[in-house]
Amino acid sequence: MNAEFTKVFELTLSEKLQLLEDLWDSIALIPEQIPVLDWQKEELAKRKAAYLQNLGSGSSWEAAKERIRSGQYGA
């Protein structure tokens, strides 16, 4: 491992979490550079087709958050 990067392991948990957040934010600035794999494109196309066949099958973001918070993941 690069000696420069080994310093990361010496950070506190809080500092590591902040570093992760900062890295993720920097990646999010360039979404066009994040590769989408063929199997991901196929899965998205399959889900879109299923949704278009039954437009009432989706949930609002608020309803989905509520299910997640209440532990009803599969509902």
PDB file of N, CA and C in Angstrom:
ATOM      1  N   MET A   1       0.847  -1.180   0.000  1.00  0.00           N
ATOM      2  CA  MET A   1       0.000   0.000   0.000  1.00  0.00           C
ATOM      3  C   MET A   1       0.889   1.238   0.000  1.00  0.00           C
ATOM      4  N   ASN A   2       0.431   2.246  -0.662  1.00  0.00           N
ATOM      5  CA  ASN A   2       1.140   3.508  -0.741  1.00  0.00           C
ATOM      6  C   ASN A   2       1.259   4.101   0.664  1.00  0.00           C
ATOM      7  N   ALA A   3       2.472   4.460   1.058  1.00  0.00           N
ATOM      8  CA  ALA A   3       2.722   4.997   2.396  1.00  0.00           C
ATOM      9  C   ALA A   3       1.899   6.253   2.659  1.00  0.00           C
ATOM     10  N   GLU A   4       1.644   7.013   1.618  1.00  0.00           N
ATOM     11  CA  GLU A   4       0.841   8.227   1.759  1.00  0.00           C
ATOM     12  C   GLU A   4      -0.567   7.894   2.249  1.00  0.00           C
ATOM     13  N   PHE A   5      -1.122   6.800   1.753  1.00  0.00           N
ATOM     14  CA  PHE A   5      -2.485   6.421   2.097  1.00  0.00           C
ATOM     15  C   PHE A   5      -2.590   5.730   3.448  1.00  0.00           C
ATOM     16  N   THR A   6      -1.512   5.203   3.965  1.00  0.00           N
ATOM     17  CA  THR A   6      -1.580   4.535   5.266  1.00  0.00           C
ATOM     18  C   THR A   6      -1.921   5.514   6.376  1.00  0.00           C
ATOM     19  N   LYS A   7      -1.677   6.797   6.169  1.00  0.00           N
ATOM     20  CA  LYS A   7      -2.028   7.820   7.153  1.00  0.00           C
ATOM     21  C   LYS A   7      -3.541   7.866   7.386  1.00  0.00           C
ATOM     22  N   VAL A   8      -4.298   7.475   6.402  1.00  0.00           N
ATOM     23  CA  VAL A   8      -5.754   7.471   6.526  1.00  0.00           C
ATOM     24  C   VAL A   8      -6.182   6.584   7.690  1.00  0.00           C
ATOM     25  N   PHE A   9      -5.483   5.494   7.906  1.00  0.00           N
ATOM     26  CA  PHE A   9      -5.843   4.561   8.964  1.00  0.00           C
ATOM     27  C   PHE A   9      -5.538   5.116  10.356  1.00  0.00           C
ATOM     28  N   GLU A  10      -4.797   6.195  10.418  1.00  0.00           N
ATOM     29  CA  GLU A  10      -4.485   6.831  11.696  1.00  0.00           C
ATOM     30  C   GLU A  10      -5.519   7.884  12.085  1.00  0.00           C
ATOM     31  N   LEU A  11      -6.430   8.203  11.190  1.00  0.00           N
ATOM     32  CA  LEU A  11      -7.463   9.189  11.473  1.00  0.00           C
ATOM     33  C   LEU A  11      -8.447   8.648  12.503  1.00  0.00           C
ATOM     34  N   THR A  12      -9.113   9.565  13.195  1.00  0.00           N
ATOM     35  CA  THR A  12     -10.180   9.155  14.110  1.00  0.00           C
ATOM     36  C   THR A  12     -11.376   8.702  13.282  1.00  0.00           C
ATOM     37  N   LEU A  13     -12.305   8.035  13.909  1.00  0.00           N
ATOM     38  CA  LEU A  13     -13.507   7.587  13.206  1.00  0.00           C
ATOM     39  C   LEU A  13     -14.240   8.775  12.597  1.00  0.00           C
ATOM     40  N   SER A  14     -14.373   9.837  13.358  1.00  0.00           N
ATOM     41  CA  SER A  14     -15.047  11.034  12.864  1.00  0.00           C
ATOM     42  C   SER A  14     -14.346  11.598  11.626  1.00  0.00           C
ATOM     43  N   GLU A  15     -13.021  11.635  11.664  1.00  0.00           N
ATOM     44  CA  GLU A  15     -12.253  12.135  10.523  1.00  0.00           C
ATOM     45  C   GLU A  15     -12.394  11.219   9.314  1.00  0.00           C
ATOM     46  N   LYS A  16     -12.422   9.906   9.544  1.00  0.00           N
ATOM     47  CA  LYS A  16     -12.604   8.948   8.446  1.00  0.00           C
ATOM     48  C   LYS A  16     -13.968   9.130   7.799  1.00  0.00           C
ATOM     49  N   LEU A  17     -14.987   9.300   8.627  1.00  0.00           N
ATOM     50  CA  LEU A  17     -16.334   9.503   8.082  1.00  0.00           C
ATOM     51  C   LEU A  17     -16.411  10.797   7.282  1.00  0.00           C
ATOM     52  N   GLN A  18     -15.766  11.839   7.774  1.00  0.00           N
ATOM     53  CA  GLN A  18     -15.751  13.107   7.039  1.00  0.00           C
ATOM     54  C   GLN A  18     -15.023  12.952   5.718  1.00  0.00           C
ATOM     55  N   LEU A  19     -13.911  12.210   5.721  1.00  0.00           N
ATOM     56  CA  LEU A  19     -13.161  11.956   4.493  1.00  0.00           C
ATOM     57  C   LEU A  19     -14.027  11.204   3.485  1.00  0.00           C
ATOM     58  N   LEU A  20     -14.741  10.188   3.962  1.00  0.00           N
ATOM     59  CA  LEU A  20     -15.636   9.447   3.068  1.00  0.00           C
ATOM     60  C   LEU A  20     -16.702  10.353   2.472  1.00  0.00           C
ATOM     61  N   GLU A  21     -17.279  11.201   3.309  1.00  0.00           N
ATOM     62  CA  GLU A  21     -18.307  12.129   2.818  1.00  0.00           C
ATOM     63  C   GLU A  21     -17.720  13.086   1.778  1.00  0.00           C
ATOM     64  N   ASP A  22     -16.524  13.597   2.060  1.00  0.00           N
ATOM     65  CA  ASP A  22     -15.875  14.516   1.120  1.00  0.00           C
ATOM     66  C   ASP A  22     -15.552  13.824  -0.204  1.00  0.00           C
ATOM     67  N   LEU A  23     -15.072  12.587  -0.120  1.00  0.00           N
ATOM     68  CA  LEU A  23     -14.779  11.831  -1.347  1.00  0.00           C
ATOM     69  C   LEU A  23     -16.051  11.599  -2.145  1.00  0.00           C
ATOM     70  N   TRP A  24     -17.109  11.174  -1.471  1.00  0.00           N
ATOM     71  CA  TRP A  24     -18.376  10.913  -2.160  1.00  0.00           C
ATOM     72  C   TRP A  24     -18.906  12.186  -2.815  1.00  0.00           C
ATOM     73  N   ASP A  25     -18.825  13.306  -2.097  1.00  0.00           N
ATOM     74  CA  ASP A  25     -19.285  14.575  -2.666  1.00  0.00           C
ATOM     75  C   ASP A  25     -18.486  14.941  -3.911  1.00  0.00           C
ATOM     76  N   SER A  26     -17.188  14.677  -3.899  1.00  0.00           N
ATOM     77  CA  SER A  26     -16.368  15.012  -5.067  1.00  0.00           C
ATOM     78  C   SER A  26     -16.719  14.113  -6.255  1.00  0.00           C
ATOM     79  N   ILE A  27     -17.055  12.870  -5.990  1.00  0.00           N
ATOM     80  CA  ILE A  27     -17.470  11.951  -7.059  1.00  0.00           C
ATOM     81  C   ILE A  27     -18.824  12.385  -7.621  1.00  0.00           C
ATOM     82  N   ALA A  28     -19.713  12.813  -6.741  1.00  0.00           N
ATOM     83  CA  ALA A  28     -21.061  13.216  -7.166  1.00  0.00           C
ATOM     84  C   ALA A  28     -21.032  14.438  -8.081  1.00  0.00           C
ATOM     85  N   LEU A  29     -19.944  15.194  -8.056  1.00  0.00           N
ATOM     86  CA  LEU A  29     -19.826  16.371  -8.920  1.00  0.00           C
ATOM     87  C   LEU A  29     -19.625  15.999 -10.388  1.00  0.00           C
ATOM     88  N   ILE A  30     -19.240  14.750 -10.649  1.00  0.00           N
ATOM     89  CA  ILE A  30     -18.946  14.322 -12.020  1.00  0.00           C
ATOM     90  C   ILE A  30     -19.713  13.032 -12.354  1.00  0.00           C
ATOM     91  N   PRO A  31     -21.042  13.061 -12.270  1.00  0.00           N
ATOM     92  CA  PRO A  31     -21.814  11.829 -12.485  1.00  0.00           C
ATOM     93  C   PRO A  31     -21.619  11.225 -13.872  1.00  0.00           C
ATOM     94  N   GLU A  32     -21.292  12.054 -14.849  1.00  0.00           N
ATOM     95  CA  GLU A  32     -21.100  11.538 -16.205  1.00  0.00           C
ATOM     96  C   GLU A  32     -19.868  10.633 -16.308  1.00  0.00           C
ATOM     97  N   GLN A  33     -18.994  10.689 -15.329  1.00  0.00           N
ATOM     98  CA  GLN A  33     -17.804   9.843 -15.349  1.00  0.00           C
ATOM     99  C   GLN A  33     -17.988   8.531 -14.577  1.00  0.00           C
ATOM    100  N   ILE A  34     -19.145   8.367 -13.945  1.00  0.00           N
ATOM    101  CA  ILE A  34     -19.416   7.138 -13.203  1.00  0.00           C
ATOM    102  C   ILE A  34     -19.982   6.122 -14.195  1.00  0.00           C
ATOM    103  N   PRO A  35     -19.290   5.013 -14.383  1.00  0.00           N
ATOM    104  CA  PRO A  35     -19.754   4.044 -15.378  1.00  0.00           C
ATOM    105  C   PRO A  35     -21.040   3.347 -14.939  1.00  0.00           C
ATOM    106  N   VAL A  36     -21.904   3.111 -15.909  1.00  0.00           N
ATOM    107  CA  VAL A  36     -23.108   2.309 -15.685  1.00  0.00           C
ATOM    108  C   VAL A  36     -22.893   1.023 -16.476  1.00  0.00           C
ATOM    109  N   LEU A  37     -22.856  -0.076 -15.758  1.00  0.00           N
ATOM    110  CA  LEU A  37     -22.572  -1.363 -16.385  1.00  0.00           C
ATOM    111  C   LEU A  37     -23.776  -1.873 -17.172  1.00  0.00           C
ATOM    112  N   ASP A  38     -23.526  -2.747 -18.133  1.00  0.00           N
ATOM    113  CA  ASP A  38     -24.606  -3.268 -18.975  1.00  0.00           C
ATOM    114  C   ASP A  38     -25.699  -3.926 -18.159  1.00  0.00           C
ATOM    115  N   TRP A  39     -25.327  -4.713 -17.143  1.00  0.00           N
ATOM    116  CA  TRP A  39     -26.352  -5.396 -16.351  1.00  0.00           C
ATOM    117  C   TRP A  39     -27.203  -4.386 -15.579  1.00  0.00           C
ATOM    118  N   GLN A  40     -26.614  -3.232 -15.202  1.00  0.00           N
ATOM    119  CA  GLN A  40     -27.379  -2.196 -14.525  1.00  0.00           C
ATOM    120  C   GLN A  40     -28.370  -1.537 -15.488  1.00  0.00           C
ATOM    121  N   LYS A  41     -27.915  -1.287 -16.723  1.00  0.00           N
ATOM    122  CA  LYS A  41     -28.810  -0.714 -17.730  1.00  0.00           C
ATOM    123  C   LYS A  41     -29.967  -1.659 -18.020  1.00  0.00           C
ATOM    124  N   GLU A  42     -29.669  -2.958 -18.106  1.00  0.00           N
ATOM    125  CA  GLU A  42     -30.722  -3.955 -18.357  1.00  0.00           C
ATOM    126  C   GLU A  42     -31.728  -3.987 -17.212  1.00  0.00           C
ATOM    127  N   GLU A  43     -31.234  -3.929 -15.983  1.00  0.00           N
ATOM    128  CA  GLU A  43     -32.126  -3.941 -14.820  1.00  0.00           C
ATOM    129  C   GLU A  43     -33.006  -2.692 -14.794  1.00  0.00           C
ATOM    130  N   LEU A  44     -32.425  -1.538 -15.093  1.00  0.00           N
ATOM    131  CA  LEU A  44     -33.210  -0.306 -15.141  1.00  0.00           C
ATOM    132  C   LEU A  44     -34.287  -0.378 -16.226  1.00  0.00           C
ATOM    133  N   ALA A  45     -33.932  -0.906 -17.397  1.00  0.00           N
ATOM    134  CA  ALA A  45     -34.901  -1.039 -18.491  1.00  0.00           C
ATOM    135  C   ALA A  45     -36.029  -1.983 -18.090  1.00  0.00           C
ATOM    136  N   LYS A  46     -35.683  -3.076 -17.407  1.00  0.00           N
ATOM    137  CA  LYS A  46     -36.686  -4.045 -16.962  1.00  0.00           C
ATOM    138  C   LYS A  46     -37.634  -3.406 -15.941  1.00  0.00           C
ATOM    139  N   ARG A  47     -37.084  -2.662 -15.009  1.00  0.00           N
ATOM    140  CA  ARG A  47     -37.921  -2.012 -13.988  1.00  0.00           C
ATOM    141  C   ARG A  47     -38.802  -0.924 -14.596  1.00  0.00           C
ATOM    142  N   LYS A  48     -38.254  -0.185 -15.566  1.00  0.00           N
ATOM    143  CA  LYS A  48     -39.050   0.854 -16.224  1.00  0.00           C
ATOM    144  C   LYS A  48     -40.203   0.226 -16.989  1.00  0.00           C
ATOM    145  N   ALA A  49     -39.934  -0.867 -17.693  1.00  0.00           N
ATOM    146  CA  ALA A  49     -40.990  -1.556 -18.447  1.00  0.00           C
ATOM    147  C   ALA A  49     -42.071  -2.065 -17.516  1.00  0.00           C
ATOM    148  N   ALA A  50     -41.676  -2.637 -16.380  1.00  0.00           N
ATOM    149  CA  ALA A  50     -42.657  -3.139 -15.412  1.00  0.00           C
ATOM    150  C   ALA A  50     -43.489  -1.993 -14.862  1.00  0.00           C
ATOM    151  N   TYR A  51     -42.866  -0.874 -14.588  1.00  0.00           N
ATOM    152  CA  TYR A  51     -43.594   0.287 -14.087  1.00  0.00           C
ATOM    153  C   TYR A  51     -44.571   0.811 -15.131  1.00  0.00           C
ATOM    154  N   LEU A  52     -44.130   0.902 -16.381  1.00  0.00           N
ATOM    155  CA  LEU A  52     -44.996   1.418 -17.435  1.00  0.00           C
ATOM    156  C   LEU A  52     -46.196   0.512 -17.685  1.00  0.00           C
ATOM    157  N   GLN A  53     -46.068  -0.776 -17.388  1.00  0.00           N
ATOM    158  CA  GLN A  53     -47.198  -1.701 -17.525  1.00  0.00           C
ATOM    159  C   GLN A  53     -48.193  -1.546 -16.380  1.00  0.00           C
ATOM    160  N   ASN A  54     -47.745  -0.986 -15.257  1.00  0.00           N
ATOM    161  CA  ASN A  54     -48.617  -0.804 -14.099  1.00  0.00           C
ATOM    162  C   ASN A  54     -48.227   0.495 -13.413  1.00  0.00           C
ATOM    163  N   LEU A  55     -48.699   1.614 -13.956  1.00  0.00           N
ATOM    164  CA  LEU A  55     -48.287   2.932 -13.471  1.00  0.00           C
ATOM    165  C   LEU A  55     -48.624   3.167 -12.006  1.00  0.00           C
ATOM    166  N   GLY A  56     -49.597   2.459 -11.492  1.00  0.00           N
ATOM    167  CA  GLY A  56     -49.980   2.629 -10.091  1.00  0.00           C
ATOM    168  C   GLY A  56     -49.115   1.847  -9.126  1.00  0.00           C
ATOM    169  N   SER A  57     -48.122   1.143  -9.635  1.00  0.00           N
ATOM    170  CA  SER A  57     -47.320   0.272  -8.774  1.00  0.00           C
ATOM    171  C   SER A  57     -46.241   1.003  -7.985  1.00  0.00           C
ATOM    172  N   GLY A  58     -45.946   2.233  -8.339  1.00  0.00           N
ATOM    173  CA  GLY A  58     -44.874   2.965  -7.663  1.00  0.00           C
ATOM    174  C   GLY A  58     -45.339   3.614  -6.377  1.00  0.00           C
ATOM    175  N   SER A  59     -44.380   4.186  -5.672  1.00  0.00           N
ATOM    176  CA  SER A  59     -44.655   4.904  -4.426  1.00  0.00           C
ATOM    177  C   SER A  59     -44.025   6.283  -4.500  1.00  0.00           C
ATOM    178  N   SER A  60     -44.598   7.199  -3.749  1.00  0.00           N
ATOM    179  CA  SER A  60     -43.959   8.514  -3.632  1.00  0.00           C
ATOM    180  C   SER A  60     -42.722   8.362  -2.765  1.00  0.00           C
ATOM    181  N   TRP A  61     -41.825   9.322  -2.872  1.00  0.00           N
ATOM    182  CA  TRP A  61     -40.619   9.291  -2.050  1.00  0.00           C
ATOM    183  C   TRP A  61     -40.994   9.346  -0.568  1.00  0.00           C
ATOM    184  N   GLU A  62     -42.006  10.151  -0.224  1.00  0.00           N
ATOM    185  CA  GLU A  62     -42.430  10.252   1.176  1.00  0.00           C
ATOM    186  C   GLU A  62     -42.925   8.903   1.695  1.00  0.00           C
ATOM    187  N   ALA A  63     -43.720   8.187   0.891  1.00  0.00           N
ATOM    188  CA  ALA A  63     -44.223   6.875   1.309  1.00  0.00           C
ATOM    189  C   ALA A  63     -43.093   5.871   1.445  1.00  0.00           C
ATOM    190  N   ALA A  64     -42.146   5.920   0.526  1.00  0.00           N
ATOM    191  CA  ALA A  64     -41.007   4.997   0.594  1.00  0.00           C
ATOM    192  C   ALA A  64     -40.176   5.267   1.844  1.00  0.00           C
ATOM    193  N   LYS A  65     -39.917   6.540   2.156  1.00  0.00           N
ATOM    194  CA  LYS A  65     -39.148   6.875   3.364  1.00  0.00           C
ATOM    195  C   LYS A  65     -39.869   6.378   4.613  1.00  0.00           C
ATOM    196  N   GLU A  66     -41.178   6.543   4.645  1.00  0.00           N
ATOM    197  CA  GLU A  66     -41.949   6.099   5.806  1.00  0.00           C
ATOM    198  C   GLU A  66     -41.855   4.588   5.985  1.00  0.00           C
ATOM    199  N   ARG A  67     -41.941   3.833   4.882  1.00  0.00           N
ATOM    200  CA  ARG A  67     -41.800   2.374   4.969  1.00  0.00           C
ATOM    201  C   ARG A  67     -40.426   1.985   5.486  1.00  0.00           C
ATOM    202  N   ILE A  68     -39.399   2.665   5.007  1.00  0.00           N
ATOM    203  CA  ILE A  68     -38.033   2.371   5.450  1.00  0.00           C
ATOM    204  C   ILE A  68     -37.892   2.667   6.937  1.00  0.00           C
ATOM    205  N   ARG A  69     -38.371   3.806   7.345  1.00  0.00           N
ATOM    206  CA  ARG A  69     -38.246   4.205   8.759  1.00  0.00           C
ATOM    207  C   ARG A  69     -39.030   3.280   9.689  1.00  0.00           C
ATOM    208  N   SER A  70     -40.135   2.752   9.201  1.00  0.00           N
ATOM    209  CA  SER A  70     -40.955   1.869  10.048  1.00  0.00           C
ATOM    210  C   SER A  70     -40.528   0.414   9.950  1.00  0.00           C
ATOM    211  N   GLY A  71     -39.527   0.115   9.097  1.00  0.00           N
ATOM    212  CA  GLY A  71     -39.036  -1.254   8.981  1.00  0.00           C
ATOM    213  C   GLY A  71     -39.831  -2.116   8.034  1.00  0.00           C
ATOM    214  N   GLN A  72     -40.706  -1.530   7.238  1.00  0.00           N
ATOM    215  CA  GLN A  72     -41.541  -2.271   6.277  1.00  0.00           C
ATOM    216  C   GLN A  72     -40.906  -2.213   4.890  1.00  0.00           C
ATOM    217  N   TYR A  73     -39.748  -2.814   4.743  1.00  0.00           N
ATOM    218  CA  TYR A  73     -38.978  -2.703   3.502  1.00  0.00           C
ATOM    219  C   TYR A  73     -39.658  -3.324   2.302  1.00  0.00           C
ATOM    220  N   GLY A  74     -40.314  -4.447   2.475  1.00  0.00           N
ATOM    221  CA  GLY A  74     -40.880  -5.154   1.338  1.00  0.00           C
ATOM    222  C   GLY A  74     -42.282  -4.737   0.978  1.00  0.00           C
ATOM    223  N   ALA A  75     -42.861  -3.838   1.733  1.00  0.00           N
ATOM    224  CA  ALA A  75     -44.259  -3.466   1.509  1.00  0.00           C
ATOM    225  C   ALA A  75     -44.416  -2.535   0.338  1.00  0.00           C
TER     226      ALA A  75
END
